[in-house]
Amino acid sequence: RAYARKKGRNNVTVDDLIHVITPKGRASVPDSVKAELLQRIRSF
């Protein structure tokens, strides 16, 4: 939403959002969530 407000709602595409937000999203996944998923995969 902040990115869309900054660029103007009509000037933002889904691809723009994906390009800008994906790195931030991946970096901000909590370590506890990553660890839990990794443990489940190992158990499997």
PDB file of all heavy atoms in Angstrom:
ATOM      1  N   ARG A   1       0.832  -1.213   0.000  1.00  0.00           N
ATOM      2  CA  ARG A   1       0.000   0.000   0.000  1.00  0.00           C
ATOM      3  C   ARG A   1       0.863   1.258   0.000  1.00  0.00           C
ATOM      4  O   ARG A   1       0.569   2.224  -0.709  1.00  0.00           O
ATOM      5  CB  ARG A   1      -0.934  -0.013   1.203  1.00  0.00           C
ATOM      6  CG  ARG A   1      -2.053  -1.004   1.038  1.00  0.00           C
ATOM      7  CD  ARG A   1      -3.051  -0.901   2.165  1.00  0.00           C
ATOM      8  NE  ARG A   1      -4.168  -1.770   1.884  1.00  0.00           N
ATOM      9  CZ  ARG A   1      -4.691  -2.615   2.747  1.00  0.00           C
ATOM     10  NH1 ARG A   1      -4.217  -2.681   3.982  1.00  0.00           N
ATOM     11  NH2 ARG A   1      -5.699  -3.381   2.419  1.00  0.00           N
ATOM     12  N   ALA A   2       1.919   1.246   0.798  1.00  0.00           N
ATOM     13  CA  ALA A   2       2.808   2.411   0.855  1.00  0.00           C
ATOM     14  C   ALA A   2       3.473   2.639  -0.501  1.00  0.00           C
ATOM     15  O   ALA A   2       3.583   3.788  -0.963  1.00  0.00           O
ATOM     16  CB  ALA A   2       3.863   2.212   1.941  1.00  0.00           C
ATOM     17  N   TYR A   3       3.900   1.569  -1.147  1.00  0.00           N
ATOM     18  CA  TYR A   3       4.520   1.695  -2.472  1.00  0.00           C
ATOM     19  C   TYR A   3       3.523   2.231  -3.484  1.00  0.00           C
ATOM     20  O   TYR A   3       3.845   3.111  -4.290  1.00  0.00           O
ATOM     21  CB  TYR A   3       5.071   0.332  -2.923  1.00  0.00           C
ATOM     22  CG  TYR A   3       5.769   0.386  -4.254  1.00  0.00           C
ATOM     23  CD1 TYR A   3       7.067   0.870  -4.352  1.00  0.00           C
ATOM     24  CD2 TYR A   3       5.134  -0.035  -5.420  1.00  0.00           C
ATOM     25  CE1 TYR A   3       7.719   0.937  -5.585  1.00  0.00           C
ATOM     26  CE2 TYR A   3       5.772   0.017  -6.649  1.00  0.00           C
ATOM     27  CZ  TYR A   3       7.059   0.500  -6.728  1.00  0.00           C
ATOM     28  OH  TYR A   3       7.697   0.569  -7.944  1.00  0.00           O
ATOM     29  N   ALA A   4       2.292   1.742  -3.430  1.00  0.00           N
ATOM     30  CA  ALA A   4       1.251   2.200  -4.361  1.00  0.00           C
ATOM     31  C   ALA A   4       0.924   3.675  -4.135  1.00  0.00           C
ATOM     32  O   ALA A   4       0.716   4.425  -5.091  1.00  0.00           O
ATOM     33  CB  ALA A   4       0.002   1.344  -4.224  1.00  0.00           C
ATOM     34  N   ARG A   5       0.887   4.101  -2.867  1.00  0.00           N
ATOM     35  CA  ARG A   5       0.632   5.522  -2.578  1.00  0.00           C
ATOM     36  C   ARG A   5       1.773   6.391  -3.099  1.00  0.00           C
ATOM     37  O   ARG A   5       1.551   7.460  -3.661  1.00  0.00           O
ATOM     38  CB  ARG A   5       0.470   5.732  -1.072  1.00  0.00           C
ATOM     39  CG  ARG A   5      -0.929   5.506  -0.569  1.00  0.00           C
ATOM     40  CD  ARG A   5      -1.121   6.047   0.839  1.00  0.00           C
ATOM     41  NE  ARG A   5      -0.197   5.470   1.816  1.00  0.00           N
ATOM     42  CZ  ARG A   5      -0.409   4.345   2.485  1.00  0.00           C
ATOM     43  NH1 ARG A   5      -1.514   3.659   2.296  1.00  0.00           N
ATOM     44  NH2 ARG A   5       0.476   3.903   3.353  1.00  0.00           N
ATOM     45  N   LYS A   6       3.001   5.920  -2.902  1.00  0.00           N
ATOM     46  CA  LYS A   6       4.182   6.683  -3.326  1.00  0.00           C
ATOM     47  C   LYS A   6       4.223   6.854  -4.844  1.00  0.00           C
ATOM     48  O   LYS A   6       4.487   7.950  -5.343  1.00  0.00           O
ATOM     49  CB  LYS A   6       5.444   5.959  -2.847  1.00  0.00           C
ATOM     50  CG  LYS A   6       6.735   6.628  -3.231  1.00  0.00           C
ATOM     51  CD  LYS A   6       7.924   5.814  -2.731  1.00  0.00           C
ATOM     52  CE  LYS A   6       9.212   6.358  -3.300  1.00  0.00           C
ATOM     53  NZ  LYS A   6      10.352   5.500  -2.974  1.00  0.00           N
ATOM     54  N   LYS A   7       3.962   5.781  -5.588  1.00  0.00           N
ATOM     55  CA  LYS A   7       4.045   5.816  -7.048  1.00  0.00           C
ATOM     56  C   LYS A   7       2.761   6.284  -7.715  1.00  0.00           C
ATOM     57  O   LYS A   7       2.772   6.626  -8.898  1.00  0.00           O
ATOM     58  CB  LYS A   7       4.394   4.414  -7.598  1.00  0.00           C
ATOM     59  CG  LYS A   7       5.767   3.960  -7.220  1.00  0.00           C
ATOM     60  CD  LYS A   7       6.808   4.742  -7.969  1.00  0.00           C
ATOM     61  CE  LYS A   7       8.189   4.235  -7.677  1.00  0.00           C
ATOM     62  NZ  LYS A   7       9.222   4.972  -8.356  1.00  0.00           N
ATOM     63  N   GLY A   8       1.678   6.273  -6.983  1.00  0.00           N
ATOM     64  CA  GLY A   8       0.381   6.585  -7.573  1.00  0.00           C
ATOM     65  C   GLY A   8      -0.311   5.288  -7.950  1.00  0.00           C
ATOM     66  O   GLY A   8       0.264   4.460  -8.651  1.00  0.00           O
ATOM     67  N   ARG A   9      -1.518   5.130  -7.469  1.00  0.00           N
ATOM     68  CA  ARG A   9      -2.226   3.870  -7.626  1.00  0.00           C
ATOM     69  C   ARG A   9      -2.349   3.416  -9.078  1.00  0.00           C
ATOM     70  O   ARG A   9      -2.276   2.237  -9.388  1.00  0.00           O
ATOM     71  CB  ARG A   9      -3.617   3.986  -7.000  1.00  0.00           C
ATOM     72  CG  ARG A   9      -4.209   2.676  -6.624  1.00  0.00           C
ATOM     73  CD  ARG A   9      -5.425   2.865  -5.786  1.00  0.00           C
ATOM     74  NE  ARG A   9      -6.547   3.158  -6.670  1.00  0.00           N
ATOM     75  CZ  ARG A   9      -7.771   3.345  -6.260  1.00  0.00           C
ATOM     76  NH1 ARG A   9      -8.045   3.314  -4.983  1.00  0.00           N
ATOM     77  NH2 ARG A   9      -8.739   3.575  -7.111  1.00  0.00           N
ATOM     78  N   ASN A  10      -2.504   4.351  -9.981  1.00  0.00           N
ATOM     79  CA  ASN A  10      -2.677   4.006 -11.393  1.00  0.00           C
ATOM     80  C   ASN A  10      -1.353   3.744 -12.105  1.00  0.00           C
ATOM     81  O   ASN A  10      -1.345   3.333 -13.263  1.00  0.00           O
ATOM     82  CB  ASN A  10      -3.446   5.107 -12.115  1.00  0.00           C
ATOM     83  CG  ASN A  10      -4.852   5.254 -11.577  1.00  0.00           C
ATOM     84  OD1 ASN A  10      -5.456   4.277 -11.152  1.00  0.00           O
ATOM     85  ND2 ASN A  10      -5.366   6.471 -11.583  1.00  0.00           N
ATOM     86  N   ASN A  11      -0.248   3.993 -11.433  1.00  0.00           N
ATOM     87  CA  ASN A  11       1.071   3.818 -12.040  1.00  0.00           C
ATOM     88  C   ASN A  11       1.809   2.568 -11.548  1.00  0.00           C
ATOM     89  O   ASN A  11       2.995   2.419 -11.816  1.00  0.00           O
ATOM     90  CB  ASN A  11       1.945   5.046 -11.758  1.00  0.00           C
ATOM     91  CG  ASN A  11       1.341   6.315 -12.310  1.00  0.00           C
ATOM     92  OD1 ASN A  11       0.703   6.307 -13.356  1.00  0.00           O
ATOM     93  ND2 ASN A  11       1.523   7.412 -11.596  1.00  0.00           N
ATOM     94  N   VAL A  12       1.112   1.708 -10.811  1.00  0.00           N
ATOM     95  CA  VAL A  12       1.749   0.530 -10.237  1.00  0.00           C
ATOM     96  C   VAL A  12       1.129  -0.729 -10.831  1.00  0.00           C
ATOM     97  O   VAL A  12      -0.090  -0.851 -10.903  1.00  0.00           O
ATOM     98  CB  VAL A  12       1.582   0.506  -8.697  1.00  0.00           C
ATOM     99  CG1 VAL A  12       2.161  -0.753  -8.099  1.00  0.00           C
ATOM    100  CG2 VAL A  12       2.240   1.719  -8.084  1.00  0.00           C
ATOM    101  N   THR A  13       1.981  -1.654 -11.252  1.00  0.00           N
ATOM    102  CA  THR A  13       1.503  -2.948 -11.732  1.00  0.00           C
ATOM    103  C   THR A  13       1.838  -4.024 -10.710  1.00  0.00           C
ATOM    104  O   THR A  13       2.668  -3.802  -9.808  1.00  0.00           O
ATOM    105  CB  THR A  13       2.166  -3.329 -13.076  1.00  0.00           C
ATOM    106  OG1 THR A  13       3.564  -3.529 -12.847  1.00  0.00           O
ATOM    107  CG2 THR A  13       1.957  -2.261 -14.134  1.00  0.00           C
ATOM    108  N   VAL A  14       1.226  -5.164 -10.867  1.00  0.00           N
ATOM    109  CA  VAL A  14       1.519  -6.288  -9.982  1.00  0.00           C
ATOM    110  C   VAL A  14       2.993  -6.672 -10.111  1.00  0.00           C
ATOM    111  O   VAL A  14       3.662  -6.968  -9.118  1.00  0.00           O
ATOM    112  CB  VAL A  14       0.601  -7.496 -10.307  1.00  0.00           C
ATOM    113  CG1 VAL A  14       1.017  -8.725  -9.513  1.00  0.00           C
ATOM    114  CG2 VAL A  14      -0.848  -7.148 -10.009  1.00  0.00           C
ATOM    115  N   ASP A  15       3.506  -6.632 -11.341  1.00  0.00           N
ATOM    116  CA  ASP A  15       4.927  -6.959 -11.544  1.00  0.00           C
ATOM    117  C   ASP A  15       5.834  -5.994 -10.785  1.00  0.00           C
ATOM    118  O   ASP A  15       6.858  -6.407 -10.237  1.00  0.00           O
ATOM    119  CB  ASP A  15       5.274  -6.945 -13.031  1.00  0.00           C
ATOM    120  CG  ASP A  15       4.692  -8.135 -13.775  1.00  0.00           C
ATOM    121  OD1 ASP A  15       4.399  -9.159 -13.122  1.00  0.00           O
ATOM    122  OD2 ASP A  15       4.541  -8.042 -15.006  1.00  0.00           O
ATOM    123  N   ASP A  16       5.472  -4.699 -10.761  1.00  0.00           N
ATOM    124  CA  ASP A  16       6.244  -3.718  -9.991  1.00  0.00           C
ATOM    125  C   ASP A  16       6.271  -4.108  -8.514  1.00  0.00           C
ATOM    126  O   ASP A  16       7.321  -4.087  -7.869  1.00  0.00           O
ATOM    127  CB  ASP A  16       5.637  -2.310 -10.105  1.00  0.00           C
ATOM    128  CG  ASP A  16       5.743  -1.713 -11.479  1.00  0.00           C
ATOM    129  OD1 ASP A  16       6.606  -2.161 -12.269  1.00  0.00           O
ATOM    130  OD2 ASP A  16       4.957  -0.787 -11.779  1.00  0.00           O
ATOM    131  N   LEU A  17       5.098  -4.431  -7.987  1.00  0.00           N
ATOM    132  CA  LEU A  17       5.012  -4.809  -6.576  1.00  0.00           C
ATOM    133  C   LEU A  17       5.845  -6.050  -6.280  1.00  0.00           C
ATOM    134  O   LEU A  17       6.572  -6.094  -5.293  1.00  0.00           O
ATOM    135  CB  LEU A  17       3.556  -5.064  -6.173  1.00  0.00           C
ATOM    136  CG  LEU A  17       2.678  -3.833  -6.021  1.00  0.00           C
ATOM    137  CD1 LEU A  17       1.235  -4.242  -5.776  1.00  0.00           C
ATOM    138  CD2 LEU A  17       3.175  -2.937  -4.899  1.00  0.00           C
ATOM    139  N   ILE A  18       5.735  -7.040  -7.138  1.00  0.00           N
ATOM    140  CA  ILE A  18       6.498  -8.279  -6.929  1.00  0.00           C
ATOM    141  C   ILE A  18       7.993  -7.984  -6.934  1.00  0.00           C
ATOM    142  O   ILE A  18       8.733  -8.463  -6.072  1.00  0.00           O
ATOM    143  CB  ILE A  18       6.132  -9.326  -8.002  1.00  0.00           C
ATOM    144  CG1 ILE A  18       4.711  -9.822  -7.755  1.00  0.00           C
ATOM    145  CG2 ILE A  18       7.120 -10.488  -8.000  1.00  0.00           C
ATOM    146  CD1 ILE A  18       4.153 -10.682  -8.872  1.00  0.00           C
ATOM    147  N   HIS A  19       8.432  -7.177  -7.885  1.00  0.00           N
ATOM    148  CA  HIS A  19       9.853  -6.854  -8.005  1.00  0.00           C
ATOM    149  C   HIS A  19      10.373  -6.116  -6.767  1.00  0.00           C
ATOM    150  O   HIS A  19      11.482  -6.384  -6.296  1.00  0.00           O
ATOM    151  CB  HIS A  19      10.081  -6.012  -9.265  1.00  0.00           C
ATOM    152  CG  HIS A  19      11.502  -5.651  -9.501  1.00  0.00           C
ATOM    153  ND1 HIS A  19      12.447  -6.569  -9.914  1.00  0.00           N
ATOM    154  CD2 HIS A  19      12.162  -4.473  -9.355  1.00  0.00           C
ATOM    155  CE1 HIS A  19      13.614  -5.964 -10.013  1.00  0.00           C
ATOM    156  NE2 HIS A  19      13.470  -4.701  -9.680  1.00  0.00           N
ATOM    157  N   VAL A  20       9.575  -5.202  -6.226  1.00  0.00           N
ATOM    158  CA  VAL A  20      10.014  -4.389  -5.095  1.00  0.00           C
ATOM    159  C   VAL A  20       9.841  -5.120  -3.761  1.00  0.00           C
ATOM    160  O   VAL A  20      10.720  -5.063  -2.897  1.00  0.00           O
ATOM    161  CB  VAL A  20       9.227  -3.051  -5.074  1.00  0.00           C
ATOM    162  CG1 VAL A  20       9.474  -2.286  -3.797  1.00  0.00           C
ATOM    163  CG2 VAL A  20       9.601  -2.212  -6.283  1.00  0.00           C
ATOM    164  N   ILE A  21       8.738  -5.815  -3.586  1.00  0.00           N
ATOM    165  CA  ILE A  21       8.391  -6.378  -2.288  1.00  0.00           C
ATOM    166  C   ILE A  21       9.026  -7.753  -2.027  1.00  0.00           C
ATOM    167  O   ILE A  21       9.355  -8.087  -0.890  1.00  0.00           O
ATOM    168  CB  ILE A  21       6.853  -6.464  -2.132  1.00  0.00           C
ATOM    169  CG1 ILE A  21       6.214  -5.085  -2.292  1.00  0.00           C
ATOM    170  CG2 ILE A  21       6.460  -7.104  -0.817  1.00  0.00           C
ATOM    171  CD1 ILE A  21       6.681  -4.046  -1.288  1.00  0.00           C
ATOM    172  N   THR A  22       9.236  -8.560  -3.062  1.00  0.00           N
ATOM    173  CA  THR A  22       9.741  -9.923  -2.868  1.00  0.00           C
ATOM    174  C   THR A  22      11.036  -9.989  -2.051  1.00  0.00           C
ATOM    175  O   THR A  22      11.112 -10.766  -1.086  1.00  0.00           O
ATOM    176  CB  THR A  22       9.907 -10.650  -4.216  1.00  0.00           C
ATOM    177  OG1 THR A  22       8.616 -10.773  -4.817  1.00  0.00           O
ATOM    178  CG2 THR A  22      10.508 -12.028  -4.043  1.00  0.00           C
ATOM    179  N   PRO A  23      12.059  -9.196  -2.376  1.00  0.00           N
ATOM    180  CA  PRO A  23      13.286  -9.281  -1.556  1.00  0.00           C
ATOM    181  C   PRO A  23      13.038  -8.930  -0.085  1.00  0.00           C
ATOM    182  O   PRO A  23      13.572  -9.589   0.813  1.00  0.00           O
ATOM    183  CB  PRO A  23      14.230  -8.266  -2.208  1.00  0.00           C
ATOM    184  CG  PRO A  23      13.697  -8.060  -3.590  1.00  0.00           C
ATOM    185  CD  PRO A  23      12.231  -8.284  -3.503  1.00  0.00           C
ATOM    186  N   LYS A  24      12.214  -7.919   0.155  1.00  0.00           N
ATOM    187  CA  LYS A  24      11.908  -7.529   1.533  1.00  0.00           C
ATOM    188  C   LYS A  24      11.112  -8.625   2.234  1.00  0.00           C
ATOM    189  O   LYS A  24      11.343  -8.923   3.401  1.00  0.00           O
ATOM    190  CB  LYS A  24      11.108  -6.226   1.549  1.00  0.00           C
ATOM    191  CG  LYS A  24      11.886  -5.040   1.040  1.00  0.00           C
ATOM    192  CD  LYS A  24      11.019  -3.794   0.966  1.00  0.00           C
ATOM    193  CE  LYS A  24      11.809  -2.641   0.358  1.00  0.00           C
ATOM    194  NZ  LYS A  24      10.998  -1.447   0.187  1.00  0.00           N
ATOM    195  N   GLY A  25      10.188  -9.213   1.507  1.00  0.00           N
ATOM    196  CA  GLY A  25       9.366 -10.275   2.081  1.00  0.00           C
ATOM    197  C   GLY A  25      10.184 -11.495   2.459  1.00  0.00           C
ATOM    198  O   GLY A  25      10.031 -12.047   3.548  1.00  0.00           O
ATOM    199  N   ARG A  26      11.056 -11.915   1.567  1.00  0.00           N
ATOM    200  CA  ARG A  26      11.887 -13.093   1.855  1.00  0.00           C
ATOM    201  C   ARG A  26      12.814 -12.837   3.036  1.00  0.00           C
ATOM    202  O   ARG A  26      13.041 -13.715   3.865  1.00  0.00           O
ATOM    203  CB  ARG A  26      12.705 -13.472   0.623  1.00  0.00           C
ATOM    204  CG  ARG A  26      11.859 -14.121  -0.440  1.00  0.00           C
ATOM    205  CD  ARG A  26      12.684 -14.588  -1.596  1.00  0.00           C
ATOM    206  NE  ARG A  26      11.824 -15.260  -2.567  1.00  0.00           N
ATOM    207  CZ  ARG A  26      12.099 -15.382  -3.842  1.00  0.00           C
ATOM    208  NH1 ARG A  26      13.223 -14.898  -4.333  1.00  0.00           N
ATOM    209  NH2 ARG A  26      11.268 -15.990  -4.651  1.00  0.00           N
ATOM    210  N   ALA A  27      13.349 -11.641   3.099  1.00  0.00           N
ATOM    211  CA  ALA A  27      14.292 -11.313   4.170  1.00  0.00           C
ATOM    212  C   ALA A  27      13.597 -11.185   5.524  1.00  0.00           C
ATOM    213  O   ALA A  27      14.240 -11.364   6.561  1.00  0.00           O
ATOM    214  CB  ALA A  27      15.027 -10.016   3.840  1.00  0.00           C
ATOM    215  N   SER A  28      12.308 -10.902   5.515  1.00  0.00           N
ATOM    216  CA  SER A  28      11.629 -10.643   6.784  1.00  0.00           C
ATOM    217  C   SER A  28      10.832 -11.833   7.324  1.00  0.00           C
ATOM    218  O   SER A  28      10.165 -11.700   8.343  1.00  0.00           O
ATOM    219  CB  SER A  28      10.701  -9.427   6.640  1.00  0.00           C
ATOM    220  OG  SER A  28       9.669  -9.693   5.727  1.00  0.00           O
ATOM    221  N   VAL A  29      10.907 -12.988   6.679  1.00  0.00           N
ATOM    222  CA  VAL A  29      10.264 -14.183   7.242  1.00  0.00           C
ATOM    223  C   VAL A  29      11.009 -14.536   8.528  1.00  0.00           C
ATOM    224  O   VAL A  29      12.239 -14.673   8.521  1.00  0.00           O
ATOM    225  CB  VAL A  29      10.301 -15.371   6.248  1.00  0.00           C
ATOM    226  CG1 VAL A  29       9.777 -16.649   6.905  1.00  0.00           C
ATOM    227  CG2 VAL A  29       9.502 -15.053   4.999  1.00  0.00           C
ATOM    228  N   PRO A  30      10.291 -14.659   9.641  1.00  0.00           N
ATOM    229  CA  PRO A  30      10.959 -14.942  10.918  1.00  0.00           C
ATOM    230  C   PRO A  30      11.745 -16.256  10.883  1.00  0.00           C
ATOM    231  O   PRO A  30      11.316 -17.235  10.280  1.00  0.00           O
ATOM    232  CB  PRO A  30       9.806 -15.043  11.913  1.00  0.00           C
ATOM    233  CG  PRO A  30       8.682 -14.287  11.284  1.00  0.00           C
ATOM    234  CD  PRO A  30       8.846 -14.481   9.806  1.00  0.00           C
ATOM    235  N   ASP A  31      12.888 -16.247  11.552  1.00  0.00           N
ATOM    236  CA  ASP A  31      13.733 -17.441  11.610  1.00  0.00           C
ATOM    237  C   ASP A  31      13.007 -18.628  12.237  1.00  0.00           C
ATOM    238  O   ASP A  31      13.232 -19.769  11.844  1.00  0.00           O
ATOM    239  CB  ASP A  31      15.017 -17.156  12.400  1.00  0.00           C
ATOM    240  CG  ASP A  31      15.967 -16.252  11.630  1.00  0.00           C
ATOM    241  OD1 ASP A  31      15.837 -16.157  10.390  1.00  0.00           O
ATOM    242  OD2 ASP A  31      16.848 -15.642  12.274  1.00  0.00           O
ATOM    243  N   SER A  32      12.118 -18.347  13.187  1.00  0.00           N
ATOM    244  CA  SER A  32      11.382 -19.440  13.835  1.00  0.00           C
ATOM    245  C   SER A  32      10.474 -20.158  12.837  1.00  0.00           C
ATOM    246  O   SER A  32      10.319 -21.380  12.902  1.00  0.00           O
ATOM    247  CB  SER A  32      10.556 -18.903  15.005  1.00  0.00           C
ATOM    248  OG  SER A  32       9.609 -17.948  14.544  1.00  0.00           O
ATOM    249  N   VAL A  33       9.890 -19.410  11.910  1.00  0.00           N
ATOM    250  CA  VAL A  33       9.031 -20.012  10.881  1.00  0.00           C
ATOM    251  C   VAL A  33       9.879 -20.853   9.927  1.00  0.00           C
ATOM    252  O   VAL A  33       9.514 -21.988   9.589  1.00  0.00           O
ATOM    253  CB  VAL A  33       8.251 -18.918  10.106  1.00  0.00           C
ATOM    254  CG1 VAL A  33       7.477 -19.516   8.945  1.00  0.00           C
ATOM    255  CG2 VAL A  33       7.309 -18.170  11.046  1.00  0.00           C
ATOM    256  N   LYS A  34      11.025 -20.311   9.521  1.00  0.00           N
ATOM    257  CA  LYS A  34      11.925 -21.066   8.640  1.00  0.00           C
ATOM    258  C   LYS A  34      12.385 -22.359   9.315  1.00  0.00           C
ATOM    259  O   LYS A  34      12.402 -23.425   8.693  1.00  0.00           O
ATOM    260  CB  LYS A  34      13.153 -20.220   8.281  1.00  0.00           C
ATOM    261  CG  LYS A  34      12.845 -19.026   7.405  1.00  0.00           C
ATOM    262  CD  LYS A  34      14.108 -18.213   7.181  1.00  0.00           C
ATOM    263  CE  LYS A  34      13.843 -16.919   6.477  1.00  0.00           C
ATOM    264  NZ  LYS A  34      15.059 -16.102   6.333  1.00  0.00           N
ATOM    265  N   ALA A  35      12.739 -22.266  10.589  1.00  0.00           N
ATOM    266  CA  ALA A  35      13.224 -23.430  11.329  1.00  0.00           C
ATOM    267  C   ALA A  35      12.144 -24.498  11.457  1.00  0.00           C
ATOM    268  O   ALA A  35      12.415 -25.699  11.308  1.00  0.00           O
ATOM    269  CB  ALA A  35      13.718 -23.002  12.705  1.00  0.00           C
ATOM    270  N   GLU A  36      10.911 -24.069  11.728  1.00  0.00           N
ATOM    271  CA  GLU A  36       9.818 -25.026  11.857  1.00  0.00           C
ATOM    272  C   GLU A  36       9.568 -25.759  10.535  1.00  0.00           C
ATOM    273  O   GLU A  36       9.404 -26.980  10.511  1.00  0.00           O
ATOM    274  CB  GLU A  36       8.541 -24.322  12.306  1.00  0.00           C
ATOM    275  CG  GLU A  36       7.382 -25.270  12.518  1.00  0.00           C
ATOM    276  CD  GLU A  36       6.116 -24.586  12.997  1.00  0.00           C
ATOM    277  OE1 GLU A  36       6.098 -23.350  13.164  1.00  0.00           O
ATOM    278  OE2 GLU A  36       5.119 -25.312  13.195  1.00  0.00           O
ATOM    279  N   LEU A  37       9.564 -25.018   9.431  1.00  0.00           N
ATOM    280  CA  LEU A  37       9.365 -25.648   8.130  1.00  0.00           C
ATOM    281  C   LEU A  37      10.516 -26.601   7.789  1.00  0.00           C
ATOM    282  O   LEU A  37      10.287 -27.705   7.287  1.00  0.00           O
ATOM    283  CB  LEU A  37       9.226 -24.590   7.038  1.00  0.00           C
ATOM    284  CG  LEU A  37       7.864 -23.926   6.949  1.00  0.00           C
ATOM    285  CD1 LEU A  37       7.922 -22.734   6.014  1.00  0.00           C
ATOM    286  CD2 LEU A  37       6.807 -24.896   6.497  1.00  0.00           C
ATOM    287  N   LEU A  38      11.717 -26.177   8.056  1.00  0.00           N
ATOM    288  CA  LEU A  38      12.874 -27.029   7.792  1.00  0.00           C
ATOM    289  C   LEU A  38      12.801 -28.321   8.598  1.00  0.00           C
ATOM    290  O   LEU A  38      13.080 -29.407   8.085  1.00  0.00           O
ATOM    291  CB  LEU A  38      14.172 -26.271   8.089  1.00  0.00           C
ATOM    292  CG  LEU A  38      15.460 -26.976   7.738  1.00  0.00           C
ATOM    293  CD1 LEU A  38      15.517 -27.337   6.261  1.00  0.00           C
ATOM    294  CD2 LEU A  38      16.654 -26.088   8.096  1.00  0.00           C
ATOM    295  N   GLN A  39      12.382 -28.214   9.845  1.00  0.00           N
ATOM    296  CA  GLN A  39      12.246 -29.411  10.689  1.00  0.00           C
ATOM    297  C   GLN A  39      11.173 -30.339  10.143  1.00  0.00           C
ATOM    298  O   GLN A  39      11.349 -31.561  10.121  1.00  0.00           O
ATOM    299  CB  GLN A  39      11.933 -29.016  12.138  1.00  0.00           C
ATOM    300  CG  GLN A  39      11.853 -30.195  13.073  1.00  0.00           C
ATOM    301  CD  GLN A  39      13.118 -31.047  13.046  1.00  0.00           C
ATOM    302  OE1 GLN A  39      14.229 -30.537  13.054  1.00  0.00           O
ATOM    303  NE2 GLN A  39      12.951 -32.354  12.980  1.00  0.00           N
ATOM    304  N   ARG A  40      10.069 -29.780   9.683  1.00  0.00           N
ATOM    305  CA  ARG A  40       9.002 -30.607   9.100  1.00  0.00           C
ATOM    306  C   ARG A  40       9.488 -31.313   7.835  1.00  0.00           C
ATOM    307  O   ARG A  40       9.168 -32.476   7.609  1.00  0.00           O
ATOM    308  CB  ARG A  40       7.770 -29.743   8.765  1.00  0.00           C
ATOM    309  CG  ARG A  40       6.998 -29.242   9.958  1.00  0.00           C
ATOM    310  CD  ARG A  40       6.030 -30.268  10.530  1.00  0.00           C
ATOM    311  NE  ARG A  40       5.056 -30.739   9.590  1.00  0.00           N
ATOM    312  CZ  ARG A  40       3.815 -30.283   9.470  1.00  0.00           C
ATOM    313  NH1 ARG A  40       3.397 -29.311  10.262  1.00  0.00           N
ATOM    314  NH2 ARG A  40       3.006 -30.809   8.579  1.00  0.00           N
ATOM    315  N   ILE A  41      10.262 -30.611   7.017  1.00  0.00           N
ATOM    316  CA  ILE A  41      10.801 -31.219   5.796  1.00  0.00           C
ATOM    317  C   ILE A  41      11.774 -32.342   6.157  1.00  0.00           C
ATOM    318  O   ILE A  41      11.728 -33.425   5.576  1.00  0.00           O
ATOM    319  CB  ILE A  41      11.471 -30.166   4.898  1.00  0.00           C
ATOM    320  CG1 ILE A  41      10.416 -29.205   4.349  1.00  0.00           C
ATOM    321  CG2 ILE A  41      12.233 -30.824   3.756  1.00  0.00           C
ATOM    322  CD1 ILE A  41      10.984 -27.953   3.683  1.00  0.00           C
ATOM    323  N   ARG A  42      12.632 -32.088   7.131  1.00  0.00           N
ATOM    324  CA  ARG A  42      13.574 -33.126   7.572  1.00  0.00           C
ATOM    325  C   ARG A  42      12.837 -34.353   8.090  1.00  0.00           C
ATOM    326  O   ARG A  42      13.213 -35.491   7.790  1.00  0.00           O
ATOM    327  CB  ARG A  42      14.492 -32.579   8.667  1.00  0.00           C
ATOM    328  CG  ARG A  42      15.586 -31.704   8.143  1.00  0.00           C
ATOM    329  CD  ARG A  42      16.546 -31.317   9.260  1.00  0.00           C
ATOM    330  NE  ARG A  42      17.601 -30.487   8.741  1.00  0.00           N
ATOM    331  CZ  ARG A  42      18.078 -29.415   9.339  1.00  0.00           C
ATOM    332  NH1 ARG A  42      17.599 -29.038  10.512  1.00  0.00           N
ATOM    333  NH2 ARG A  42      19.049 -28.709   8.796  1.00  0.00           N
ATOM    334  N   SER A  43      11.802 -34.137   8.884  1.00  0.00           N
ATOM    335  CA  SER A  43      11.005 -35.256   9.406  1.00  0.00           C
ATOM    336  C   SER A  43      10.377 -36.045   8.265  1.00  0.00           C
ATOM    337  O   SER A  43      10.361 -37.276   8.294  1.00  0.00           O
ATOM    338  CB  SER A  43       9.908 -34.744  10.335  1.00  0.00           C
ATOM    339  OG  SER A  43      10.458 -34.134  11.458  1.00  0.00           O
ATOM    340  N   PHE A  44       9.863 -35.342   7.282  1.00  0.00           N
ATOM    341  CA  PHE A  44       9.271 -36.005   6.116  1.00  0.00           C
ATOM    342  C   PHE A  44      10.309 -36.852   5.407  1.00  0.00           C
ATOM    343  O   PHE A  44      10.061 -38.006   5.057  1.00  0.00           O
ATOM    344  CB  PHE A  44       8.678 -34.965   5.169  1.00  0.00           C
ATOM    345  CG  PHE A  44       8.276 -35.556   3.839  1.00  0.00           C
ATOM    346  CD1 PHE A  44       7.097 -36.261   3.709  1.00  0.00           C
ATOM    347  CD2 PHE A  44       9.083 -35.407   2.724  1.00  0.00           C
ATOM    348  CE1 PHE A  44       6.719 -36.812   2.501  1.00  0.00           C
ATOM    349  CE2 PHE A  44       8.729 -35.958   1.506  1.00  0.00           C
ATOM    350  CZ  PHE A  44       7.533 -36.669   1.385  1.00  0.00           C
TER     351      PHE A  44
END
